[in-house]
PDB file of N, CA and C in Angstrom:
ATOM      1  N   UNK A   1     167.906 -28.984  19.579  1.00  0.00           N
ATOM      2  CA  UNK A   1     168.911 -28.847  20.179  1.00  0.00           C
ATOM      3  C   UNK A   1     170.438 -29.288  20.127  1.00  0.00           C
ATOM      4  N   UNK A   2     169.790 -30.559  19.825  1.00  0.00           N
ATOM      5  CA  UNK A   2     171.239 -31.075  19.841  1.00  0.00           C
ATOM      6  C   UNK A   2     172.389 -30.779  18.722  1.00  0.00           C
ATOM      7  N   UNK A   3     171.648 -29.908  17.429  1.00  0.00           N
ATOM      8  CA  UNK A   3     172.874 -28.975  16.887  1.00  0.00           C
ATOM      9  C   UNK A   3     173.525 -27.961  17.754  1.00  0.00           C
ATOM     10  N   UNK A   4     172.341 -27.140  18.381  1.00  0.00           N
ATOM     11  CA  UNK A   4     172.987 -25.753  19.072  1.00  0.00           C
ATOM     12  C   UNK A   4     174.071 -26.661  20.030  1.00  0.00           C
ATOM     13  N   UNK A   5     173.861 -27.890  21.012  1.00  0.00           N
ATOM     14  CA  UNK A   5     174.827 -28.018  21.901  1.00  0.00           C
ATOM     15  C   UNK A   5     175.855 -28.421  21.188  1.00  0.00           C
ATOM     16  N   UNK A   6     176.006 -29.109  19.525  1.00  0.00           N
ATOM     17  CA  UNK A   6     177.182 -29.339  18.898  1.00  0.00           C
ATOM     18  C   UNK A   6     178.229 -28.402  18.339  1.00  0.00           C
ATOM     19  N   UNK A   7     177.978 -27.190  18.580  1.00  0.00           N
ATOM     20  CA  UNK A   7     178.271 -25.704  18.357  1.00  0.00           C
ATOM     21  C   UNK A   7     179.880 -26.251  18.841  1.00  0.00           C
ATOM     22  N   UNK A   8     179.535 -26.670  20.012  1.00  0.00           N
ATOM     23  CA  UNK A   8     181.038 -26.963  20.862  1.00  0.00           C
ATOM     24  C   UNK A   8     182.096 -27.944  19.953  1.00  0.00           C
ATOM     25  N   UNK A   9     181.634 -28.719  19.673  1.00  0.00           N
ATOM     26  CA  UNK A   9     182.142 -29.735  19.089  1.00  0.00           C
ATOM     27  C   UNK A   9     182.909 -29.161  17.905  1.00  0.00           C
ATOM     28  N   UNK A  10     182.263 -28.185  17.017  1.00  0.00           N
ATOM     29  CA  UNK A  10     182.908 -27.787  15.717  1.00  0.00           C
ATOM     30  C   UNK A  10     183.922 -26.680  15.961  1.00  0.00           C
ATOM     31  N   UNK A  11     183.750 -25.757  16.987  1.00  0.00           N
ATOM     32  CA  UNK A  11     184.347 -24.773  17.227  1.00  0.00           C
ATOM     33  C   UNK A  11     184.280 -24.609  19.148  1.00  0.00           C
ATOM     34  N   UNK A  12     185.755 -24.790  19.566  1.00  0.00           N
ATOM     35  CA  UNK A  12     185.915 -24.681  21.047  1.00  0.00           C
ATOM     36  C   UNK A  12     185.672 -22.975  21.560  1.00  0.00           C
ATOM     37  N   UNK A  13     185.516 -22.988  22.645  1.00  0.00           N
ATOM     38  CA  UNK A  13     185.688 -22.041  23.580  1.00  0.00           C
ATOM     39  C   UNK A  13     187.226 -21.902  24.013  1.00  0.00           C
ATOM     40  N   UNK A  14     188.334 -20.645  24.018  1.00  0.00           N
ATOM     41  CA  UNK A  14     189.484 -20.242  24.464  1.00  0.00           C
ATOM     42  C   UNK A  14     188.645 -19.995  26.056  1.00  0.00           C
ATOM     43  N   UNK A  15     189.200 -20.815  26.939  1.00  0.00           N
ATOM     44  CA  UNK A  15     189.781 -20.485  27.830  1.00  0.00           C
ATOM     45  C   UNK A  15     191.034 -20.270  28.607  1.00  0.00           C
ATOM     46  N   UNK A  16     190.965 -18.781  29.192  1.00  0.00           N
ATOM     47  CA  UNK A  16     192.090 -18.523  29.496  1.00  0.00           C
ATOM     48  C   UNK A  16     191.970 -19.550  31.215  1.00  0.00           C
ATOM     49  N   UNK A  17     193.087 -19.724  31.623  1.00  0.00           N
ATOM     50  CA  UNK A  17     193.585 -20.315  32.769  1.00  0.00           C
ATOM     51  C   UNK A  17     193.750 -19.769  34.021  1.00  0.00           C
ATOM     52  N   UNK A  18     193.720 -18.185  33.611  1.00  0.00           N
ATOM     53  CA  UNK A  18     194.443 -17.328  34.664  1.00  0.00           C
ATOM     54  C   UNK A  18     193.340 -16.929  35.177  1.00  0.00           C
ATOM     55  N   UNK A  19     192.405 -17.036  34.551  1.00  0.00           N
ATOM     56  CA  UNK A  19     190.554 -16.248  35.118  1.00  0.00           C
ATOM     57  C   UNK A  19     189.838 -17.450  35.879  1.00  0.00           C
ATOM     58  N   UNK A  20     188.827 -17.429  36.660  1.00  0.00           N
ATOM     59  CA  UNK A  20     188.317 -18.377  37.273  1.00  0.00           C
ATOM     60  C   UNK A  20     186.747 -18.450  36.336  1.00  0.00           C
ATOM     61  N   UNK A  21     186.705 -18.116  35.569  1.00  0.00           N
ATOM     62  CA  UNK A  21     185.432 -17.550  34.438  1.00  0.00           C
ATOM     63  C   UNK A  21     185.497 -17.902  33.227  1.00  0.00           C
ATOM     64  N   UNK A  22     184.499 -18.230  32.231  1.00  0.00           N
ATOM     65  CA  UNK A  22     184.712 -18.215  30.714  1.00  0.00           C
ATOM     66  C   UNK A  22     183.840 -17.576  30.332  1.00  0.00           C
ATOM     67  N   UNK A  23     184.363 -16.600  29.741  1.00  0.00           N
ATOM     68  CA  UNK A  23     183.978 -15.483  29.022  1.00  0.00           C
ATOM     69  C   UNK A  23     183.165 -15.586  26.975  1.00  0.00           C
ATOM     70  N   UNK A  24     182.128 -14.815  27.098  1.00  0.00           N
ATOM     71  CA  UNK A  24     181.506 -15.246  25.800  1.00  0.00           C
ATOM     72  C   UNK A  24     182.270 -13.971  24.605  1.00  0.00           C
ATOM     73  N   UNK A  25     182.662 -14.784  23.559  1.00  0.00           N
ATOM     74  CA  UNK A  25     183.466 -13.728  22.602  1.00  0.00           C
ATOM     75  C   UNK A  25     182.955 -14.087  21.466  1.00  0.00           C
ATOM     76  N   UNK A  26     181.547 -14.064  20.939  1.00  0.00           N
ATOM     77  CA  UNK A  26     181.241 -14.037  20.579  1.00  0.00           C
ATOM     78  C   UNK A  26     181.021 -15.363  19.237  1.00  0.00           C
ATOM     79  N   UNK A  27     181.056 -16.308  20.005  1.00  0.00           N
ATOM     80  CA  UNK A  27     181.216 -17.562  19.159  1.00  0.00           C
ATOM     81  C   UNK A  27     180.711 -18.707  19.923  1.00  0.00           C
ATOM     82  N   UNK A  28     179.833 -19.861  19.355  1.00  0.00           N
ATOM     83  CA  UNK A  28     178.721 -20.759  19.891  1.00  0.00           C
ATOM     84  C   UNK A  28     177.896 -20.139  20.600  1.00  0.00           C
ATOM     85  N   UNK A  29     176.992 -18.968  20.103  1.00  0.00           N
ATOM     86  CA  UNK A  29     176.066 -18.410  20.724  1.00  0.00           C
ATOM     87  C   UNK A  29     174.858 -19.295  21.249  1.00  0.00           C
ATOM     88  N   UNK A  30     174.891 -19.634  20.448  1.00  0.00           N
ATOM     89  CA  UNK A  30     173.448 -21.136  20.896  1.00  0.00           C
ATOM     90  C   UNK A  30     173.604 -21.736  22.282  1.00  0.00           C
ATOM     91  N   UNK A  31     175.148 -22.826  22.144  1.00  0.00           N
ATOM     92  CA  UNK A  31     175.542 -23.376  23.017  1.00  0.00           C
ATOM     93  C   UNK A  31     175.659 -22.994  23.949  1.00  0.00           C
ATOM     94  N   UNK A  32     176.409 -20.682  23.997  1.00  0.00           N
ATOM     95  CA  UNK A  32     176.752 -20.559  25.047  1.00  0.00           C
ATOM     96  C   UNK A  32     175.791 -20.138  25.773  1.00  0.00           C
ATOM     97  N   UNK A  33     174.662 -20.054  25.202  1.00  0.00           N
ATOM     98  CA  UNK A  33     173.595 -18.870  26.021  1.00  0.00           C
ATOM     99  C   UNK A  33     172.179 -20.181  27.066  1.00  0.00           C
ATOM    100  N   UNK A  34     172.416 -21.948  26.247  1.00  0.00           N
ATOM    101  CA  UNK A  34     171.869 -22.464  27.370  1.00  0.00           C
ATOM    102  C   UNK A  34     173.110 -23.305  28.242  1.00  0.00           C
ATOM    103  N   UNK A  35     174.483 -23.068  28.006  1.00  0.00           N
ATOM    104  CA  UNK A  35     174.746 -23.868  29.246  1.00  0.00           C
ATOM    105  C   UNK A  35     175.246 -22.239  30.578  1.00  0.00           C
ATOM    106  N   UNK A  36     174.870 -21.295  29.978  1.00  0.00           N
ATOM    107  CA  UNK A  36     175.151 -20.107  31.131  1.00  0.00           C
ATOM    108  C   UNK A  36     174.989 -20.320  32.138  1.00  0.00           C
ATOM    109  N   UNK A  37     175.517 -20.462  33.410  1.00  0.00           N
ATOM    110  CA  UNK A  37     175.863 -20.634  34.773  1.00  0.00           C
ATOM    111  C   UNK A  37     174.801 -19.701  35.382  1.00  0.00           C
ATOM    112  N   UNK A  38     173.926 -18.542  34.588  1.00  0.00           N
ATOM    113  CA  UNK A  38     172.624 -18.077  35.609  1.00  0.00           C
ATOM    114  C   UNK A  38     171.535 -18.197  35.263  1.00  0.00           C
ATOM    115  N   UNK A  39     171.481 -19.166  33.936  1.00  0.00           N
ATOM    116  CA  UNK A  39     169.898 -19.399  33.260  1.00  0.00           C
ATOM    117  C   UNK A  39     169.381 -20.756  34.110  1.00  0.00           C
ATOM    118  N   UNK A  40     168.153 -20.416  34.877  1.00  0.00           N
ATOM    119  CA  UNK A  40     167.531 -21.461  35.656  1.00  0.00           C
ATOM    120  C   UNK A  40     166.460 -21.517  34.708  1.00  0.00           C
ATOM    121  N   UNK A  41     165.672 -21.065  33.527  1.00  0.00           N
ATOM    122  CA  UNK A  41     164.382 -21.448  33.272  1.00  0.00           C
ATOM    123  C   UNK A  41     164.948 -21.725  31.432  1.00  0.00           C
ATOM    124  N   UNK A  42     164.597 -22.631  30.761  1.00  0.00           N
ATOM    125  CA  UNK A  42     165.034 -22.803  29.420  1.00  0.00           C
ATOM    126  C   UNK A  42     163.661 -23.769  28.840  1.00  0.00           C
ATOM    127  N   UNK A  43     163.242 -23.439  27.629  1.00  0.00           N
ATOM    128  CA  UNK A  43     162.152 -23.642  27.648  1.00  0.00           C
ATOM    129  C   UNK A  43     162.485 -23.643  25.472  1.00  0.00           C
ATOM    130  N   UNK A  44     162.309 -24.796  25.419  1.00  0.00           N
ATOM    131  CA  UNK A  44     162.304 -25.512  24.112  1.00  0.00           C
ATOM    132  C   UNK A  44     160.753 -25.473  22.642  1.00  0.00           C
ATOM    133  N   UNK A  45     160.873 -25.253  21.651  1.00  0.00           N
ATOM    134  CA  UNK A  45     159.393 -25.591  21.266  1.00  0.00           C
ATOM    135  C   UNK A  45     160.050 -26.638  19.805  1.00  0.00           C
ATOM    136  N   UNK A  46     159.585 -26.843  19.285  1.00  0.00           N
ATOM    137  CA  UNK A  46     160.481 -27.871  17.958  1.00  0.00           C
ATOM    138  C   UNK A  46     158.940 -28.391  17.259  1.00  0.00           C
ATOM    139  N   UNK A  47     159.691 -28.430  16.001  1.00  0.00           N
ATOM    140  CA  UNK A  47     158.238 -29.131  15.025  1.00  0.00           C
ATOM    141  C   UNK A  47     158.858 -29.985  13.736  1.00  0.00           C
ATOM    142  N   UNK A  48     158.680 -30.882  13.121  1.00  0.00           N
ATOM    143  CA  UNK A  48     159.066 -31.362  12.273  1.00  0.00           C
ATOM    144  C   UNK A  48     158.636 -30.562  10.894  1.00  0.00           C
ATOM    145  N   UNK A  49     159.072 -30.497   9.626  1.00  0.00           N
ATOM    146  CA  UNK A  49     158.753 -29.895   8.656  1.00  0.00           C
ATOM    147  C   UNK A  49     158.098 -31.430   7.192  1.00  0.00           C
ATOM    148  N   UNK A  50     156.898 -30.974   7.448  1.00  0.00           N
ATOM    149  CA  UNK A  50     156.118 -31.112   6.124  1.00  0.00           C
ATOM    150  C   UNK A  50     156.404 -31.503   5.316  1.00  0.00           C
ATOM    151  N   UNK A  51     157.502 -30.462   3.956  1.00  0.00           N
ATOM    152  CA  UNK A  51     158.031 -30.766   2.856  1.00  0.00           C
ATOM    153  C   UNK A  51     159.305 -31.023   3.182  1.00  0.00           C
ATOM    154  N   UNK A  52     160.176 -31.514   4.451  1.00  0.00           N
ATOM    155  CA  UNK A  52     161.487 -31.790   3.721  1.00  0.00           C
ATOM    156  C   UNK A  52     161.164 -33.012   4.726  1.00  0.00           C
ATOM    157  N   UNK A  53     161.906 -34.382   4.252  1.00  0.00           N
ATOM    158  CA  UNK A  53     162.142 -35.663   4.988  1.00  0.00           C
ATOM    159  C   UNK A  53     163.011 -35.655   6.306  1.00  0.00           C
ATOM    160  N   UNK A  54     162.850 -35.704   7.307  1.00  0.00           N
ATOM    161  CA  UNK A  54     163.833 -35.572   8.487  1.00  0.00           C
ATOM    162  C   UNK A  54     164.711 -34.378   9.106  1.00  0.00           C
ATOM    163  N   UNK A  55     163.816 -33.241   8.725  1.00  0.00           N
ATOM    164  CA  UNK A  55     163.852 -32.211   9.148  1.00  0.00           C
ATOM    165  C   UNK A  55     163.157 -32.038   9.916  1.00  0.00           C
ATOM    166  N   UNK A  56     163.661 -30.774  11.152  1.00  0.00           N
ATOM    167  CA  UNK A  56     163.206 -30.346  12.179  1.00  0.00           C
ATOM    168  C   UNK A  56     163.464 -29.452  12.821  1.00  0.00           C
ATOM    169  N   UNK A  57     162.924 -28.279  12.688  1.00  0.00           N
ATOM    170  CA  UNK A  57     162.978 -26.809  13.277  1.00  0.00           C
ATOM    171  C   UNK A  57     162.965 -26.921  14.842  1.00  0.00           C
ATOM    172  N   UNK A  58     163.463 -26.176  15.894  1.00  0.00           N
ATOM    173  CA  UNK A  58     163.745 -26.293  17.202  1.00  0.00           C
ATOM    174  C   UNK A  58     164.324 -24.910  17.423  1.00  0.00           C
ATOM    175  N   UNK A  59     163.584 -24.188  18.890  1.00  0.00           N
ATOM    176  CA  UNK A  59     163.816 -23.015  19.229  1.00  0.00           C
ATOM    177  C   UNK A  59     163.706 -22.964  20.687  1.00  0.00           C
ATOM    178  N   UNK A  60     164.613 -22.704  21.052  1.00  0.00           N
ATOM    179  CA  UNK A  60     164.866 -22.459  22.608  1.00  0.00           C
ATOM    180  C   UNK A  60     165.195 -21.204  22.798  1.00  0.00           C
ATOM    181  N   UNK A  61     164.230 -20.926  24.325  1.00  0.00           N
ATOM    182  CA  UNK A  61     164.969 -19.076  24.568  1.00  0.00           C
ATOM    183  C   UNK A  61     165.069 -19.893  26.298  1.00  0.00           C
ATOM    184  N   UNK A  62     165.723 -18.608  27.137  1.00  0.00           N
ATOM    185  CA  UNK A  62     165.729 -19.114  28.504  1.00  0.00           C
ATOM    186  C   UNK A  62     165.188 -17.896  28.962  1.00  0.00           C
ATOM    187  N   UNK A  63     165.529 -18.017  30.660  1.00  0.00           N
ATOM    188  CA  UNK A  63     165.069 -16.640  30.994  1.00  0.00           C
ATOM    189  C   UNK A  63     166.393 -15.366  31.341  1.00  0.00           C
ATOM    190  N   UNK A  64     167.306 -15.644  30.429  1.00  0.00           N
ATOM    191  CA  UNK A  64     168.500 -14.474  30.194  1.00  0.00           C
ATOM    192  C   UNK A  64     167.983 -13.875  28.478  1.00  0.00           C
ATOM    193  N   UNK A  65     168.405 -12.583  28.621  1.00  0.00           N
ATOM    194  CA  UNK A  65     168.758 -12.380  27.800  1.00  0.00           C
ATOM    195  C   UNK A  65     170.205 -12.839  26.712  1.00  0.00           C
ATOM    196  N   UNK A  66     170.352 -12.407  25.934  1.00  0.00           N
ATOM    197  CA  UNK A  66     171.689 -12.926  24.989  1.00  0.00           C
ATOM    198  C   UNK A  66     172.685 -13.010  25.152  1.00  0.00           C
ATOM    199  N   UNK A  67     173.859 -13.256  25.522  1.00  0.00           N
ATOM    200  CA  UNK A  67     174.661 -13.097  26.162  1.00  0.00           C
ATOM    201  C   UNK A  67     175.651 -11.858  25.538  1.00  0.00           C
ATOM    202  N   UNK A  68     176.422 -10.669  25.811  1.00  0.00           N
ATOM    203  CA  UNK A  68     176.970 -10.113  24.542  1.00  0.00           C
ATOM    204  C   UNK A  68     178.229 -10.135  24.841  1.00  0.00           C
ATOM    205  N   UNK A  69     179.059  -9.514  24.365  1.00  0.00           N
ATOM    206  CA  UNK A  69     180.604 -10.152  24.531  1.00  0.00           C
ATOM    207  C   UNK A  69     181.321 -10.086  25.650  1.00  0.00           C
ATOM    208  N   UNK A  70     181.974 -10.649  26.024  1.00  0.00           N
ATOM    209  CA  UNK A  70     183.027 -10.720  27.259  1.00  0.00           C
ATOM    210  C   UNK A  70     181.581 -11.105  28.454  1.00  0.00           C
ATOM    211  N   UNK A  71     180.707 -11.102  28.126  1.00  0.00           N
ATOM    212  CA  UNK A  71     180.033 -11.933  29.709  1.00  0.00           C
ATOM    213  C   UNK A  71     180.121 -13.202  29.915  1.00  0.00           C
ATOM    214  N   UNK A  72     180.143 -13.761  30.994  1.00  0.00           N
ATOM    215  CA  UNK A  72     180.653 -14.622  31.523  1.00  0.00           C
ATOM    216  C   UNK A  72     179.462 -15.505  31.369  1.00  0.00           C
ATOM    217  N   UNK A  73     180.380 -16.586  30.750  1.00  0.00           N
ATOM    218  CA  UNK A  73     179.704 -18.309  30.412  1.00  0.00           C
ATOM    219  C   UNK A  73     178.931 -19.392  31.650  1.00  0.00           C
ATOM    220  N   UNK A  74     180.024 -19.047  32.063  1.00  0.00           N
ATOM    221  CA  UNK A  74     180.500 -19.661  33.180  1.00  0.00           C
ATOM    222  C   UNK A  74     181.638 -20.005  34.225  1.00  0.00           C
ATOM    223  N   UNK A  75     181.615 -20.265  35.268  1.00  0.00           N
ATOM    224  CA  UNK A  75     182.862 -20.102  36.358  1.00  0.00           C
ATOM    225  C   UNK A  75     183.307 -21.355  36.229  1.00  0.00           C
ATOM    226  N   UNK A  76     184.826 -21.761  36.248  1.00  0.00           N
ATOM    227  CA  UNK A  76     185.583 -22.783  36.705  1.00  0.00           C
ATOM    228  C   UNK A  76     185.731 -23.365  37.726  1.00  0.00           C
ATOM    229  N   UNK A  77     186.116 -24.390  37.570  1.00  0.00           N
ATOM    230  CA  UNK A  77     187.006 -25.065  39.130  1.00  0.00           C
ATOM    231  C   UNK A  77     185.986 -25.907  39.581  1.00  0.00           C
ATOM    232  N   UNK A  78     186.417 -26.781  40.497  1.00  0.00           N
ATOM    233  CA  UNK A  78     185.539 -28.241  40.607  1.00  0.00           C
ATOM    234  C   UNK A  78     184.589 -27.776  42.312  1.00  0.00           C
ATOM    235  N   UNK A  79     184.403 -26.609  42.356  1.00  0.00           N
ATOM    236  CA  UNK A  79     184.020 -25.689  43.807  1.00  0.00           C
ATOM    237  C   UNK A  79     182.545 -25.630  43.666  1.00  0.00           C
ATOM    238  N   UNK A  80     181.842 -24.772  44.576  1.00  0.00           N
ATOM    239  CA  UNK A  80     180.823 -24.528  44.270  1.00  0.00           C
ATOM    240  C   UNK A  80     180.506 -23.110  43.633  1.00  0.00           C
ATOM    241  N   UNK A  81     179.190 -22.621  43.048  1.00  0.00           N
ATOM    242  CA  UNK A  81     179.375 -21.104  42.497  1.00  0.00           C
ATOM    243  C   UNK A  81     180.429 -20.069  43.149  1.00  0.00           C
ATOM    244  N   UNK A  82     180.680 -19.236  42.354  1.00  0.00           N
ATOM    245  CA  UNK A  82     181.149 -18.196  43.761  1.00  0.00           C
ATOM    246  C   UNK A  82     180.357 -17.273  44.048  1.00  0.00           C
ATOM    247  N   UNK A  83     181.222 -17.292  45.394  1.00  0.00           N
ATOM    248  CA  UNK A  83     179.917 -16.394  46.679  1.00  0.00           C
ATOM    249  C   UNK A  83     179.056 -15.024  45.818  1.00  0.00           C
ATOM    250  N   UNK A  84     178.118 -15.029  45.975  1.00  0.00           N
ATOM    251  CA  UNK A  84     177.294 -13.699  45.630  1.00  0.00           C
ATOM    252  C   UNK A  84     177.461 -13.578  43.842  1.00  0.00           C
ATOM    253  N   UNK A  85     176.927 -14.733  43.046  1.00  0.00           N
ATOM    254  CA  UNK A  85     177.214 -14.836  41.544  1.00  0.00           C
ATOM    255  C   UNK A  85     175.457 -15.562  41.589  1.00  0.00           C
ATOM    256  N   UNK A  86     175.261 -16.472  42.125  1.00  0.00           N
ATOM    257  CA  UNK A  86     173.759 -16.426  41.928  1.00  0.00           C
ATOM    258  C   UNK A  86     172.641 -15.730  42.535  1.00  0.00           C
ATOM    259  N   UNK A  87     172.299 -14.417  40.864  1.00  0.00           N
ATOM    260  CA  UNK A  87     171.443 -13.303  41.288  1.00  0.00           C
ATOM    261  C   UNK A  87     170.396 -13.451  40.545  1.00  0.00           C
ATOM    262  N   UNK A  88     169.373 -13.182  41.026  1.00  0.00           N
ATOM    263  CA  UNK A  88     169.232 -12.637  42.394  1.00  0.00           C
ATOM    264  C   UNK A  88     168.763 -13.634  43.416  1.00  0.00           C
ATOM    265  N   UNK A  89     169.836 -13.157  44.808  1.00  0.00           N
ATOM    266  CA  UNK A  89     169.656 -14.063  46.030  1.00  0.00           C
ATOM    267  C   UNK A  89     168.553 -14.516  46.102  1.00  0.00           C
ATOM    268  N   UNK A  90     167.808 -13.713  45.961  1.00  0.00           N
ATOM    269  CA  UNK A  90     166.061 -13.601  46.704  1.00  0.00           C
ATOM    270  C   UNK A  90     165.153 -15.278  46.006  1.00  0.00           C
ATOM    271  N   UNK A  91     166.364 -15.348  44.876  1.00  0.00           N
ATOM    272  CA  UNK A  91     165.273 -16.654  43.673  1.00  0.00           C
ATOM    273  C   UNK A  91     166.204 -17.592  43.860  1.00  0.00           C
ATOM    274  N   UNK A  92     167.629 -17.081  43.867  1.00  0.00           N
ATOM    275  CA  UNK A  92     168.424 -18.465  43.396  1.00  0.00           C
ATOM    276  C   UNK A  92     169.663 -18.694  44.662  1.00  0.00           C
ATOM    277  N   UNK A  93     169.717 -20.123  44.768  1.00  0.00           N
ATOM    278  CA  UNK A  93     170.674 -20.055  45.916  1.00  0.00           C
ATOM    279  C   UNK A  93     172.029 -21.309  44.803  1.00  0.00           C
ATOM    280  N   UNK A  94     173.179 -21.369  45.583  1.00  0.00           N
ATOM    281  CA  UNK A  94     174.095 -22.350  45.194  1.00  0.00           C
ATOM    282  C   UNK A  94     173.813 -23.962  45.091  1.00  0.00           C
ATOM    283  N   UNK A  95     173.596 -24.587  44.322  1.00  0.00           N
ATOM    284  CA  UNK A  95     173.564 -26.177  44.648  1.00  0.00           C
ATOM    285  C   UNK A  95     174.906 -26.524  44.791  1.00  0.00           C
ATOM    286  N   UNK A  96     174.948 -26.973  45.898  1.00  0.00           N
ATOM    287  CA  UNK A  96     177.136 -27.201  46.243  1.00  0.00           C
ATOM    288  C   UNK A  96     177.042 -28.276  45.805  1.00  0.00           C
ATOM    289  N   UNK A  97     176.403 -29.489  45.559  1.00  0.00           N
ATOM    290  CA  UNK A  97     176.681 -30.790  44.436  1.00  0.00           C
ATOM    291  C   UNK A  97     177.563 -30.739  43.213  1.00  0.00           C
ATOM    292  N   UNK A  98     176.805 -29.955  42.397  1.00  0.00           N
ATOM    293  CA  UNK A  98     176.829 -29.800  41.101  1.00  0.00           C
ATOM    294  C   UNK A  98     177.894 -28.003  40.711  1.00  0.00           C
ATOM    295  N   UNK A  99     177.564 -27.350  41.905  1.00  0.00           N
ATOM    296  CA  UNK A  99     178.204 -26.059  41.469  1.00  0.00           C
ATOM    297  C   UNK A  99     177.450 -24.942  41.384  1.00  0.00           C
ATOM    298  N   UNK A 100     176.204 -25.357  40.252  1.00  0.00           N
ATOM    299  CA  UNK A 100     175.353 -24.224  39.818  1.00  0.00           C
ATOM    300  C   UNK A 100     174.526 -23.699  40.432  1.00  0.00           C
ATOM    301  N   UNK A 101     173.857 -22.648  39.627  1.00  0.00           N
ATOM    302  CA  UNK A 101     172.916 -21.821  40.258  1.00  0.00           C
ATOM    303  C   UNK A 101     171.439 -22.705  40.260  1.00  0.00           C
ATOM    304  N   UNK A 102     171.046 -22.853  40.855  1.00  0.00           N
ATOM    305  CA  UNK A 102     169.657 -23.393  40.888  1.00  0.00           C
ATOM    306  C   UNK A 102     168.420 -22.067  41.367  1.00  0.00           C
ATOM    307  N   UNK A 103     167.575 -22.580  41.155  1.00  0.00           N
ATOM    308  CA  UNK A 103     166.467 -22.124  42.021  1.00  0.00           C
ATOM    309  C   UNK A 103     165.620 -22.116  43.450  1.00  0.00           C
ATOM    310  N   UNK A 104     164.791 -21.329  44.059  1.00  0.00           N
ATOM    311  CA  UNK A 104     165.250 -21.981  45.115  1.00  0.00           C
ATOM    312  C   UNK A 104     164.124 -22.406  45.963  1.00  0.00           C
ATOM    313  N   UNK A 105     164.031 -23.474  46.632  1.00  0.00           N
ATOM    314  CA  UNK A 105     162.264 -24.094  46.545  1.00  0.00           C
ATOM    315  C   UNK A 105     161.665 -23.043  47.440  1.00  0.00           C
ATOM    316  N   UNK A 106     160.523 -22.757  47.342  1.00  0.00           N
ATOM    317  CA  UNK A 106     159.333 -21.965  48.125  1.00  0.00           C
ATOM    318  C   UNK A 106     158.500 -22.763  49.168  1.00  0.00           C
TER     319      UNK A 106
END
């Protein structure tokens, strides 16, 4: 997973400061899908390779399909989630402290 998250260190994401959101532009796909604002379930599995020393395979899935070009990765700003963006509302709410969409406690 570290390799996927390190994509952002090798290739930055261009941010249009006039917008309140960051769009996916077919770069850093693994990173972008793991940090997207509306993914609230992430599962990963890993396995050490027996043939190669110090190699490890990891596979992660979220509850959302892969981002398509120009979909929103996350919203910018220091405040909470934009109103109405934590969908579906019956399942998600906005955590005021982190500004992230979270699963409601039932």
